[in-house]
Amino acid sequence: MGEENKMRKIIGDFDMKLAEIYADLIDECVSGAVNLRQKFNGEHVVLFPGIHVVKHPHPGDREQFPARLNGLVREFEIGRGLDNIGLNVPRMHLVGVNDSEIPFLIMDRLNLTNLWDLNSQQRKEAQKQYFEQIDLAKNEGYFPGDVGDAADPYNCGFDVNKKKLFFYDFTDWRMN
């Protein structure tokens, strides 16, 4: 990260120095210079540096970067909107593009447990909150995509300390 850093902020409010560190971290992980805990899903790689999550497209999908950038901006906007109506979601901080033209999204990291790993009382509470949160989203004009159902939920988890269900990954959510 030198004086010629070309990292660009697209949307959001976040400490730009930390955003630049995360932007550089993407390249370091891609090159193999840094081995950080990562999760690979269909369209994205998710990095877990400390208290934040950094989501970016697979580096080999370079021709898809413009579409992936638009998707990350939409996910940021949906996440902010859901947070504004009181849904339990990670705080969305920033969408940017790093020096290598890889778009990325920075959000808060959650401490979640998969619903199948909860005890029966916790799972019952999580399923109750699942329905409440889905109803809230729908009543506010959101169409929850890619969350499964209470019997087989995904893209959500339960924070056992806060006793709250959180949704994440809004790639397939829509506003009605």
N, C-alpha and C. Protein backbone atom coordinates (compact mmCIF):
# COMPACT_ATOMS: atom_id res chain seq x y z
N MET A 1 0.86 -1.18 0.00
CA MET A 1 0.00 0.00 0.00
C MET A 1 0.90 1.24 0.00
N GLY A 2 1.07 1.79 -1.15
CA GLY A 2 1.92 2.98 -1.25
C GLY A 2 1.10 4.21 -1.52
N GLU A 3 1.79 5.26 -1.89
CA GLU A 3 1.11 6.52 -2.17
C GLU A 3 0.24 6.44 -3.42
N GLU A 4 0.53 5.47 -4.30
CA GLU A 4 -0.20 5.34 -5.56
C GLU A 4 -1.44 4.45 -5.41
N ASN A 5 -1.90 4.18 -4.20
CA ASN A 5 -3.05 3.30 -3.98
C ASN A 5 -4.25 3.85 -4.74
N LYS A 6 -4.85 2.98 -5.54
CA LYS A 6 -5.99 3.38 -6.36
C LYS A 6 -7.30 2.81 -5.84
N MET A 7 -7.33 2.30 -4.61
CA MET A 7 -8.55 1.76 -4.06
C MET A 7 -9.64 2.83 -4.13
N ARG A 8 -10.81 2.44 -4.64
CA ARG A 8 -11.92 3.40 -4.77
C ARG A 8 -13.09 2.98 -3.89
N LYS A 9 -13.65 3.95 -3.21
CA LYS A 9 -14.89 3.73 -2.46
C LYS A 9 -16.04 3.94 -3.43
N ILE A 10 -16.97 3.00 -3.46
CA ILE A 10 -18.16 3.11 -4.30
C ILE A 10 -19.33 3.64 -3.48
N ILE A 11 -19.54 3.05 -2.32
CA ILE A 11 -20.64 3.46 -1.44
C ILE A 11 -20.30 3.05 -0.01
N GLY A 12 -20.75 3.86 0.95
CA GLY A 12 -20.58 3.49 2.35
C GLY A 12 -19.79 4.51 3.14
N ASP A 13 -19.69 4.22 4.41
CA ASP A 13 -18.94 5.07 5.33
C ASP A 13 -18.09 4.16 6.21
N PHE A 14 -16.79 4.29 6.06
CA PHE A 14 -15.89 3.39 6.76
C PHE A 14 -14.52 4.06 6.80
N ASP A 15 -13.72 3.69 7.75
CA ASP A 15 -12.35 4.18 7.86
C ASP A 15 -11.59 3.79 6.59
N MET A 16 -11.20 4.76 5.78
CA MET A 16 -10.57 4.48 4.50
C MET A 16 -9.20 3.82 4.64
N LYS A 17 -8.48 4.14 5.71
CA LYS A 17 -7.18 3.49 5.92
C LYS A 17 -7.38 1.98 6.13
N LEU A 18 -8.38 1.61 6.94
CA LEU A 18 -8.66 0.20 7.17
C LEU A 18 -9.21 -0.44 5.90
N ALA A 19 -10.04 0.27 5.15
CA ALA A 19 -10.55 -0.25 3.88
C ALA A 19 -9.40 -0.54 2.92
N GLU A 20 -8.39 0.33 2.89
CA GLU A 20 -7.23 0.10 2.02
C GLU A 20 -6.44 -1.12 2.46
N ILE A 21 -6.34 -1.33 3.77
CA ILE A 21 -5.66 -2.53 4.28
C ILE A 21 -6.41 -3.78 3.83
N TYR A 22 -7.73 -3.75 3.95
CA TYR A 22 -8.53 -4.90 3.52
C TYR A 22 -8.43 -5.08 2.00
N ALA A 23 -8.43 -3.98 1.26
CA ALA A 23 -8.30 -4.07 -0.20
C ALA A 23 -6.99 -4.74 -0.58
N ASP A 24 -5.91 -4.36 0.09
CA ASP A 24 -4.61 -4.98 -0.17
C ASP A 24 -4.60 -6.44 0.28
N LEU A 25 -5.30 -6.74 1.36
CA LEU A 25 -5.37 -8.10 1.88
C LEU A 25 -5.98 -9.06 0.85
N ILE A 26 -6.94 -8.59 0.08
CA ILE A 26 -7.53 -9.42 -0.96
C ILE A 26 -6.45 -9.90 -1.91
N ASP A 27 -5.63 -8.97 -2.39
CA ASP A 27 -4.55 -9.34 -3.31
C ASP A 27 -3.56 -10.30 -2.66
N GLU A 28 -3.24 -10.07 -1.39
CA GLU A 28 -2.30 -10.94 -0.69
C GLU A 28 -2.85 -12.35 -0.55
N CYS A 29 -4.16 -12.47 -0.33
CA CYS A 29 -4.78 -13.80 -0.23
C CYS A 29 -4.82 -14.47 -1.60
N VAL A 30 -5.17 -13.69 -2.63
CA VAL A 30 -5.23 -14.23 -3.99
C VAL A 30 -3.86 -14.75 -4.42
N SER A 31 -2.81 -14.02 -4.09
CA SER A 31 -1.45 -14.41 -4.50
C SER A 31 -0.91 -15.57 -3.66
N GLY A 32 -1.54 -15.83 -2.53
CA GLY A 32 -1.05 -16.88 -1.64
C GLY A 32 -0.06 -16.38 -0.60
N ALA A 33 0.25 -15.09 -0.62
CA ALA A 33 1.20 -14.52 0.34
C ALA A 33 0.65 -14.58 1.77
N VAL A 34 -0.67 -14.51 1.91
CA VAL A 34 -1.32 -14.58 3.21
C VAL A 34 -2.36 -15.70 3.16
N ASN A 35 -2.35 -16.53 4.19
CA ASN A 35 -3.33 -17.60 4.27
C ASN A 35 -4.30 -17.25 5.39
N LEU A 36 -5.42 -16.65 5.03
CA LEU A 36 -6.41 -16.19 5.99
C LEU A 36 -7.62 -17.09 5.90
N ARG A 37 -8.33 -17.26 7.00
CA ARG A 37 -9.55 -18.06 6.97
C ARG A 37 -10.48 -17.51 5.89
N GLN A 38 -10.90 -18.40 4.99
CA GLN A 38 -11.75 -18.00 3.88
C GLN A 38 -12.89 -18.98 3.74
N LYS A 39 -13.98 -18.49 3.18
CA LYS A 39 -15.12 -19.35 2.84
C LYS A 39 -15.41 -19.09 1.36
N PHE A 40 -15.51 -20.15 0.60
CA PHE A 40 -15.79 -20.02 -0.82
C PHE A 40 -17.24 -20.45 -1.05
N ASN A 41 -18.01 -19.59 -1.72
CA ASN A 41 -19.37 -19.98 -2.09
C ASN A 41 -19.52 -19.78 -3.59
N GLY A 42 -20.72 -19.87 -4.09
CA GLY A 42 -20.96 -19.83 -5.53
C GLY A 42 -20.26 -18.73 -6.28
N GLU A 43 -20.46 -17.49 -5.91
CA GLU A 43 -19.94 -16.37 -6.68
C GLU A 43 -18.84 -15.60 -5.96
N HIS A 44 -18.63 -15.87 -4.68
CA HIS A 44 -17.75 -15.01 -3.89
C HIS A 44 -16.80 -15.80 -3.00
N VAL A 45 -15.78 -15.10 -2.57
CA VAL A 45 -14.87 -15.55 -1.52
C VAL A 45 -15.13 -14.63 -0.34
N VAL A 46 -15.19 -15.19 0.86
CA VAL A 46 -15.44 -14.40 2.06
C VAL A 46 -14.23 -14.54 2.98
N LEU A 47 -13.62 -13.41 3.32
CA LEU A 47 -12.47 -13.36 4.22
C LEU A 47 -12.94 -12.92 5.61
N PHE A 48 -12.27 -13.42 6.64
CA PHE A 48 -12.66 -13.11 8.02
C PHE A 48 -11.49 -12.47 8.78
N PRO A 49 -11.14 -11.22 8.45
CA PRO A 49 -10.04 -10.56 9.17
C PRO A 49 -10.56 -9.84 10.42
N GLY A 50 -10.50 -10.48 11.56
CA GLY A 50 -10.89 -9.82 12.81
C GLY A 50 -12.38 -9.60 12.94
N ILE A 51 -12.77 -8.35 13.22
CA ILE A 51 -14.16 -8.05 13.53
C ILE A 51 -15.00 -7.75 12.29
N HIS A 52 -14.39 -7.87 11.10
CA HIS A 52 -15.10 -7.60 9.87
C HIS A 52 -15.07 -8.80 8.94
N VAL A 53 -15.93 -8.76 7.94
CA VAL A 53 -15.96 -9.74 6.87
C VAL A 53 -15.71 -8.96 5.58
N VAL A 54 -14.90 -9.52 4.70
CA VAL A 54 -14.65 -8.92 3.39
C VAL A 54 -15.07 -9.94 2.33
N LYS A 55 -16.05 -9.56 1.53
CA LYS A 55 -16.61 -10.43 0.51
C LYS A 55 -16.19 -9.90 -0.86
N HIS A 56 -15.65 -10.78 -1.70
CA HIS A 56 -15.24 -10.37 -3.05
C HIS A 56 -15.47 -11.51 -4.03
N PRO A 57 -15.57 -11.20 -5.33
CA PRO A 57 -15.76 -12.27 -6.31
C PRO A 57 -14.50 -13.12 -6.45
N HIS A 58 -14.68 -14.34 -6.97
CA HIS A 58 -13.53 -15.19 -7.27
C HIS A 58 -12.62 -14.44 -8.25
N PRO A 59 -11.33 -14.40 -7.99
CA PRO A 59 -10.42 -13.65 -8.85
C PRO A 59 -10.44 -14.10 -10.31
N GLY A 60 -10.74 -15.36 -10.57
CA GLY A 60 -10.77 -15.86 -11.94
C GLY A 60 -11.99 -15.40 -12.74
N ASP A 61 -12.94 -14.76 -12.08
CA ASP A 61 -14.16 -14.28 -12.73
C ASP A 61 -14.04 -12.83 -13.18
N ARG A 62 -12.85 -12.42 -13.60
CA ARG A 62 -12.58 -11.02 -13.91
C ARG A 62 -13.60 -10.42 -14.87
N GLU A 63 -14.06 -11.18 -15.87
CA GLU A 63 -15.04 -10.64 -16.82
C GLU A 63 -16.39 -10.39 -16.15
N GLN A 64 -16.60 -10.99 -15.00
CA GLN A 64 -17.85 -10.81 -14.27
C GLN A 64 -17.78 -9.68 -13.24
N PHE A 65 -16.60 -9.06 -13.06
CA PHE A 65 -16.44 -8.06 -12.02
C PHE A 65 -17.46 -6.91 -12.09
N PRO A 66 -17.77 -6.36 -13.27
CA PRO A 66 -18.77 -5.27 -13.29
C PRO A 66 -20.14 -5.72 -12.75
N ALA A 67 -20.57 -6.91 -13.14
CA ALA A 67 -21.84 -7.43 -12.62
C ALA A 67 -21.74 -7.74 -11.13
N ARG A 68 -20.61 -8.29 -10.71
CA ARG A 68 -20.43 -8.60 -9.28
C ARG A 68 -20.39 -7.31 -8.46
N LEU A 69 -19.79 -6.24 -8.99
CA LEU A 69 -19.79 -4.95 -8.30
C LEU A 69 -21.21 -4.47 -8.12
N ASN A 70 -22.01 -4.52 -9.17
CA ASN A 70 -23.42 -4.12 -9.05
C ASN A 70 -24.14 -4.96 -8.02
N GLY A 71 -23.85 -6.26 -7.98
CA GLY A 71 -24.47 -7.14 -6.99
C GLY A 71 -24.06 -6.79 -5.57
N LEU A 72 -22.79 -6.45 -5.37
CA LEU A 72 -22.32 -6.07 -4.03
C LEU A 72 -22.95 -4.75 -3.58
N VAL A 73 -23.11 -3.80 -4.51
CA VAL A 73 -23.78 -2.53 -4.17
C VAL A 73 -25.23 -2.81 -3.79
N ARG A 74 -25.90 -3.66 -4.55
CA ARG A 74 -27.30 -4.01 -4.23
C ARG A 74 -27.38 -4.70 -2.87
N GLU A 75 -26.44 -5.63 -2.61
CA GLU A 75 -26.42 -6.32 -1.32
C GLU A 75 -26.20 -5.33 -0.18
N PHE A 76 -25.29 -4.38 -0.36
CA PHE A 76 -25.04 -3.32 0.62
C PHE A 76 -26.34 -2.55 0.89
N GLU A 77 -27.01 -2.13 -0.17
CA GLU A 77 -28.25 -1.34 -0.03
C GLU A 77 -29.36 -2.14 0.63
N ILE A 78 -29.51 -3.41 0.26
CA ILE A 78 -30.53 -4.27 0.90
C ILE A 78 -30.18 -4.43 2.37
N GLY A 79 -28.92 -4.72 2.68
CA GLY A 79 -28.50 -4.89 4.07
C GLY A 79 -28.74 -3.65 4.90
N ARG A 80 -28.40 -2.48 4.36
CA ARG A 80 -28.66 -1.23 5.08
C ARG A 80 -30.16 -1.01 5.29
N GLY A 81 -30.93 -1.30 4.24
CA GLY A 81 -32.38 -1.14 4.35
C GLY A 81 -32.98 -2.07 5.39
N LEU A 82 -32.53 -3.31 5.41
CA LEU A 82 -33.03 -4.27 6.40
C LEU A 82 -32.64 -3.84 7.82
N ASP A 83 -31.43 -3.34 7.97
CA ASP A 83 -30.98 -2.84 9.26
C ASP A 83 -31.87 -1.67 9.70
N ASN A 84 -32.21 -0.79 8.77
CA ASN A 84 -33.05 0.37 9.08
C ASN A 84 -34.45 0.01 9.53
N ILE A 85 -34.98 -1.14 9.08
CA ILE A 85 -36.33 -1.55 9.52
C ILE A 85 -36.29 -2.43 10.76
N GLY A 86 -35.08 -2.71 11.26
CA GLY A 86 -34.97 -3.46 12.51
C GLY A 86 -34.69 -4.93 12.35
N LEU A 87 -34.38 -5.39 11.15
CA LEU A 87 -34.02 -6.79 10.96
C LEU A 87 -32.61 -7.01 11.52
N ASN A 88 -32.37 -8.17 12.06
CA ASN A 88 -31.05 -8.51 12.60
C ASN A 88 -30.14 -8.93 11.45
N VAL A 89 -29.22 -8.04 11.09
CA VAL A 89 -28.29 -8.25 9.99
C VAL A 89 -26.93 -7.66 10.38
N PRO A 90 -25.86 -8.08 9.69
CA PRO A 90 -24.57 -7.41 9.94
C PRO A 90 -24.61 -5.99 9.40
N ARG A 91 -23.91 -5.10 10.06
CA ARG A 91 -23.84 -3.71 9.57
C ARG A 91 -22.98 -3.68 8.32
N MET A 92 -23.52 -3.10 7.28
CA MET A 92 -22.81 -2.94 6.02
C MET A 92 -21.98 -1.66 6.10
N HIS A 93 -20.69 -1.74 5.77
CA HIS A 93 -19.81 -0.58 5.90
C HIS A 93 -19.43 0.07 4.58
N LEU A 94 -19.02 -0.73 3.59
CA LEU A 94 -18.46 -0.11 2.40
C LEU A 94 -18.40 -1.11 1.25
N VAL A 95 -18.62 -0.61 0.05
CA VAL A 95 -18.30 -1.34 -1.17
C VAL A 95 -17.20 -0.55 -1.86
N GLY A 96 -16.15 -1.24 -2.25
CA GLY A 96 -15.04 -0.60 -2.92
C GLY A 96 -14.48 -1.47 -4.02
N VAL A 97 -13.48 -0.94 -4.69
CA VAL A 97 -12.76 -1.67 -5.73
C VAL A 97 -11.27 -1.48 -5.42
N ASN A 98 -10.52 -2.60 -5.35
CA ASN A 98 -9.11 -2.47 -4.99
C ASN A 98 -8.24 -2.17 -6.20
N ASP A 99 -6.94 -2.08 -5.98
CA ASP A 99 -5.98 -1.74 -7.04
C ASP A 99 -6.04 -2.72 -8.21
N SER A 100 -6.39 -3.96 -7.94
CA SER A 100 -6.48 -4.98 -8.98
C SER A 100 -7.85 -5.03 -9.63
N GLU A 101 -8.67 -4.03 -9.32
CA GLU A 101 -10.03 -3.91 -9.88
C GLU A 101 -10.97 -5.00 -9.37
N ILE A 102 -10.66 -5.57 -8.20
CA ILE A 102 -11.55 -6.56 -7.58
C ILE A 102 -12.52 -5.82 -6.67
N PRO A 103 -13.83 -5.92 -6.94
CA PRO A 103 -14.81 -5.27 -6.07
C PRO A 103 -14.95 -6.05 -4.76
N PHE A 104 -15.28 -5.34 -3.69
CA PHE A 104 -15.42 -6.00 -2.40
C PHE A 104 -16.43 -5.26 -1.52
N LEU A 105 -16.96 -5.98 -0.55
CA LEU A 105 -17.92 -5.47 0.43
C LEU A 105 -17.36 -5.74 1.81
N ILE A 106 -17.37 -4.71 2.67
CA ILE A 106 -16.95 -4.86 4.06
C ILE A 106 -18.19 -4.75 4.94
N MET A 107 -18.35 -5.72 5.84
CA MET A 107 -19.47 -5.71 6.79
C MET A 107 -18.98 -6.22 8.13
N ASP A 108 -19.81 -6.04 9.17
CA ASP A 108 -19.46 -6.56 10.48
C ASP A 108 -19.44 -8.08 10.45
N ARG A 109 -18.56 -8.65 11.25
CA ARG A 109 -18.52 -10.10 11.43
C ARG A 109 -19.46 -10.46 12.57
N LEU A 110 -20.23 -11.51 12.36
CA LEU A 110 -21.17 -11.98 13.38
C LEU A 110 -20.61 -13.24 14.03
N ASN A 111 -21.03 -13.49 15.24
CA ASN A 111 -20.64 -14.70 15.96
C ASN A 111 -21.86 -15.62 15.99
N LEU A 112 -22.02 -16.41 14.93
CA LEU A 112 -23.25 -17.18 14.77
C LEU A 112 -23.02 -18.68 14.88
N THR A 113 -24.08 -19.35 15.31
CA THR A 113 -24.12 -20.80 15.37
C THR A 113 -25.19 -21.28 14.40
N ASN A 114 -24.86 -22.31 13.64
CA ASN A 114 -25.83 -22.92 12.74
C ASN A 114 -27.02 -23.44 13.56
N LEU A 115 -28.22 -23.28 13.04
CA LEU A 115 -29.41 -23.67 13.79
C LEU A 115 -29.40 -25.15 14.16
N TRP A 116 -28.78 -25.99 13.35
CA TRP A 116 -28.74 -27.43 13.65
C TRP A 116 -27.79 -27.74 14.81
N ASP A 117 -26.92 -26.80 15.16
CA ASP A 117 -25.99 -27.01 16.26
C ASP A 117 -26.49 -26.44 17.58
N LEU A 118 -27.71 -25.91 17.60
CA LEU A 118 -28.30 -25.35 18.81
C LEU A 118 -28.99 -26.44 19.62
N ASN A 119 -29.16 -26.18 20.92
CA ASN A 119 -29.98 -27.12 21.69
C ASN A 119 -31.45 -26.88 21.33
N SER A 120 -32.33 -27.73 21.77
CA SER A 120 -33.74 -27.66 21.32
C SER A 120 -34.42 -26.35 21.72
N GLN A 121 -34.12 -25.83 22.91
CA GLN A 121 -34.72 -24.56 23.34
C GLN A 121 -34.22 -23.40 22.47
N GLN A 122 -32.92 -23.37 22.21
CA GLN A 122 -32.36 -22.31 21.36
C GLN A 122 -32.91 -22.42 19.94
N ARG A 123 -33.01 -23.64 19.41
CA ARG A 123 -33.52 -23.83 18.05
C ARG A 123 -34.97 -23.36 17.94
N LYS A 124 -35.75 -23.65 18.97
CA LYS A 124 -37.16 -23.22 18.97
C LYS A 124 -37.22 -21.69 18.94
N GLU A 125 -36.39 -21.02 19.74
CA GLU A 125 -36.35 -19.56 19.75
C GLU A 125 -35.88 -19.02 18.39
N ALA A 126 -34.86 -19.65 17.83
CA ALA A 126 -34.35 -19.22 16.53
C ALA A 126 -35.42 -19.35 15.44
N GLN A 127 -36.16 -20.45 15.45
CA GLN A 127 -37.21 -20.65 14.44
C GLN A 127 -38.34 -19.64 14.62
N LYS A 128 -38.66 -19.31 15.86
CA LYS A 128 -39.68 -18.28 16.12
C LYS A 128 -39.22 -16.95 15.55
N GLN A 129 -37.97 -16.58 15.83
CA GLN A 129 -37.42 -15.32 15.31
C GLN A 129 -37.31 -15.36 13.79
N TYR A 130 -37.02 -16.52 13.22
CA TYR A 130 -36.94 -16.66 11.77
C TYR A 130 -38.25 -16.18 11.14
N PHE A 131 -39.38 -16.70 11.63
CA PHE A 131 -40.69 -16.31 11.08
C PHE A 131 -40.98 -14.83 11.32
N GLU A 132 -40.66 -14.34 12.52
CA GLU A 132 -40.89 -12.92 12.82
C GLU A 132 -40.09 -12.02 11.90
N GLN A 133 -38.82 -12.36 11.68
CA GLN A 133 -37.94 -11.54 10.86
C GLN A 133 -38.35 -11.59 9.37
N ILE A 134 -38.73 -12.78 8.90
CA ILE A 134 -39.20 -12.91 7.50
C ILE A 134 -40.48 -12.10 7.31
N ASP A 135 -41.40 -12.19 8.26
CA ASP A 135 -42.65 -11.42 8.16
C ASP A 135 -42.37 -9.92 8.16
N LEU A 136 -41.45 -9.47 9.03
CA LEU A 136 -41.09 -8.06 9.08
C LEU A 136 -40.54 -7.61 7.72
N ALA A 137 -39.63 -8.39 7.17
CA ALA A 137 -39.04 -8.04 5.87
C ALA A 137 -40.12 -7.96 4.79
N LYS A 138 -40.98 -8.95 4.72
CA LYS A 138 -42.03 -8.97 3.69
C LYS A 138 -43.00 -7.80 3.86
N ASN A 139 -43.35 -7.51 5.11
CA ASN A 139 -44.28 -6.40 5.37
C ASN A 139 -43.68 -5.05 5.00
N GLU A 140 -42.36 -4.97 4.96
CA GLU A 140 -41.68 -3.73 4.59
C GLU A 140 -41.29 -3.69 3.11
N GLY A 141 -41.76 -4.68 2.35
CA GLY A 141 -41.54 -4.66 0.91
C GLY A 141 -40.33 -5.42 0.41
N TYR A 142 -39.74 -6.26 1.24
CA TYR A 142 -38.58 -7.05 0.83
C TYR A 142 -39.02 -8.47 0.49
N PHE A 143 -38.38 -9.05 -0.51
CA PHE A 143 -38.59 -10.45 -0.83
C PHE A 143 -37.33 -11.20 -0.43
N PRO A 144 -37.41 -11.97 0.66
CA PRO A 144 -36.22 -12.70 1.12
C PRO A 144 -35.90 -13.83 0.15
N GLY A 145 -34.72 -13.80 -0.38
CA GLY A 145 -34.27 -14.87 -1.26
C GLY A 145 -33.19 -15.68 -0.60
N ASP A 146 -33.14 -16.96 -0.95
CA ASP A 146 -32.02 -17.80 -0.53
C ASP A 146 -31.86 -17.91 0.98
N VAL A 147 -32.99 -18.10 1.70
CA VAL A 147 -32.92 -18.27 3.16
C VAL A 147 -33.51 -19.60 3.60
N GLY A 148 -33.96 -20.43 2.64
CA GLY A 148 -34.56 -21.70 3.00
C GLY A 148 -35.88 -21.47 3.70
N ASP A 149 -36.14 -22.30 4.69
CA ASP A 149 -37.33 -22.12 5.53
C ASP A 149 -36.95 -22.52 6.95
N ALA A 150 -37.90 -22.40 7.87
CA ALA A 150 -37.58 -22.65 9.28
C ALA A 150 -37.12 -24.09 9.51
N ALA A 151 -37.60 -25.02 8.67
CA ALA A 151 -37.19 -26.41 8.81
C ALA A 151 -35.78 -26.63 8.29
N ASP A 152 -35.36 -25.86 7.29
CA ASP A 152 -34.04 -25.99 6.70
C ASP A 152 -33.50 -24.61 6.34
N PRO A 153 -33.21 -23.79 7.36
CA PRO A 153 -32.78 -22.41 7.10
C PRO A 153 -31.32 -22.33 6.68
N TYR A 154 -31.02 -21.36 5.84
CA TYR A 154 -29.64 -21.06 5.52
C TYR A 154 -29.49 -19.56 5.29
N ASN A 155 -28.23 -19.11 5.25
CA ASN A 155 -27.90 -17.69 5.21
C ASN A 155 -28.47 -16.96 6.43
N CYS A 156 -28.53 -17.70 7.52
CA CYS A 156 -28.88 -17.12 8.81
C CYS A 156 -28.23 -17.98 9.89
N GLY A 157 -28.13 -17.41 11.06
CA GLY A 157 -27.55 -18.13 12.18
C GLY A 157 -27.99 -17.47 13.48
N PHE A 158 -27.73 -18.12 14.59
CA PHE A 158 -28.19 -17.66 15.90
C PHE A 158 -26.99 -17.27 16.74
N ASP A 159 -27.03 -16.05 17.27
CA ASP A 159 -26.01 -15.60 18.21
C ASP A 159 -26.48 -16.03 19.60
N VAL A 160 -25.83 -17.04 20.16
CA VAL A 160 -26.29 -17.60 21.44
C VAL A 160 -26.11 -16.63 22.59
N ASN A 161 -25.15 -15.71 22.50
CA ASN A 161 -24.95 -14.73 23.57
C ASN A 161 -26.01 -13.64 23.53
N LYS A 162 -26.34 -13.16 22.32
CA LYS A 162 -27.36 -12.12 22.18
C LYS A 162 -28.77 -12.70 22.11
N LYS A 163 -28.85 -14.03 21.91
CA LYS A 163 -30.13 -14.73 21.78
C LYS A 163 -30.95 -14.16 20.62
N LYS A 164 -30.26 -13.92 19.50
CA LYS A 164 -30.90 -13.35 18.32
C LYS A 164 -30.51 -14.11 17.07
N LEU A 165 -31.48 -14.23 16.18
CA LEU A 165 -31.25 -14.79 14.86
C LEU A 165 -30.82 -13.66 13.93
N PHE A 166 -29.80 -13.89 13.13
CA PHE A 166 -29.32 -12.90 12.16
C PHE A 166 -29.35 -13.50 10.76
N PHE A 167 -29.74 -12.68 9.80
CA PHE A 167 -29.65 -13.04 8.39
C PHE A 167 -28.39 -12.39 7.81
N TYR A 168 -27.82 -13.02 6.81
CA TYR A 168 -26.67 -12.47 6.09
C TYR A 168 -26.74 -12.98 4.65
N ASP A 169 -25.92 -12.45 3.79
CA ASP A 169 -25.87 -12.78 2.37
C ASP A 169 -27.19 -12.42 1.69
N PHE A 170 -27.25 -11.18 1.23
CA PHE A 170 -28.48 -10.65 0.62
C PHE A 170 -28.40 -10.62 -0.90
N THR A 171 -27.54 -11.47 -1.46
CA THR A 171 -27.35 -11.53 -2.91
C THR A 171 -28.67 -11.74 -3.63
N ASP A 172 -29.53 -12.59 -3.11
CA ASP A 172 -30.78 -12.92 -3.80
C ASP A 172 -32.02 -12.26 -3.20
N TRP A 173 -31.85 -11.33 -2.27
CA TRP A 173 -32.99 -10.58 -1.74
C TRP A 173 -33.39 -9.50 -2.74
N ARG A 174 -34.64 -9.13 -2.71
CA ARG A 174 -35.15 -8.09 -3.62
C ARG A 174 -36.11 -7.16 -2.87
N MET A 175 -36.21 -5.96 -3.39
CA MET A 175 -37.25 -5.02 -2.93
C MET A 175 -38.43 -5.18 -3.87
N ASN A 176 -39.63 -5.24 -3.28
CA ASN A 176 -40.84 -5.33 -4.12
C ASN A 176 -41.22 -3.96 -4.64
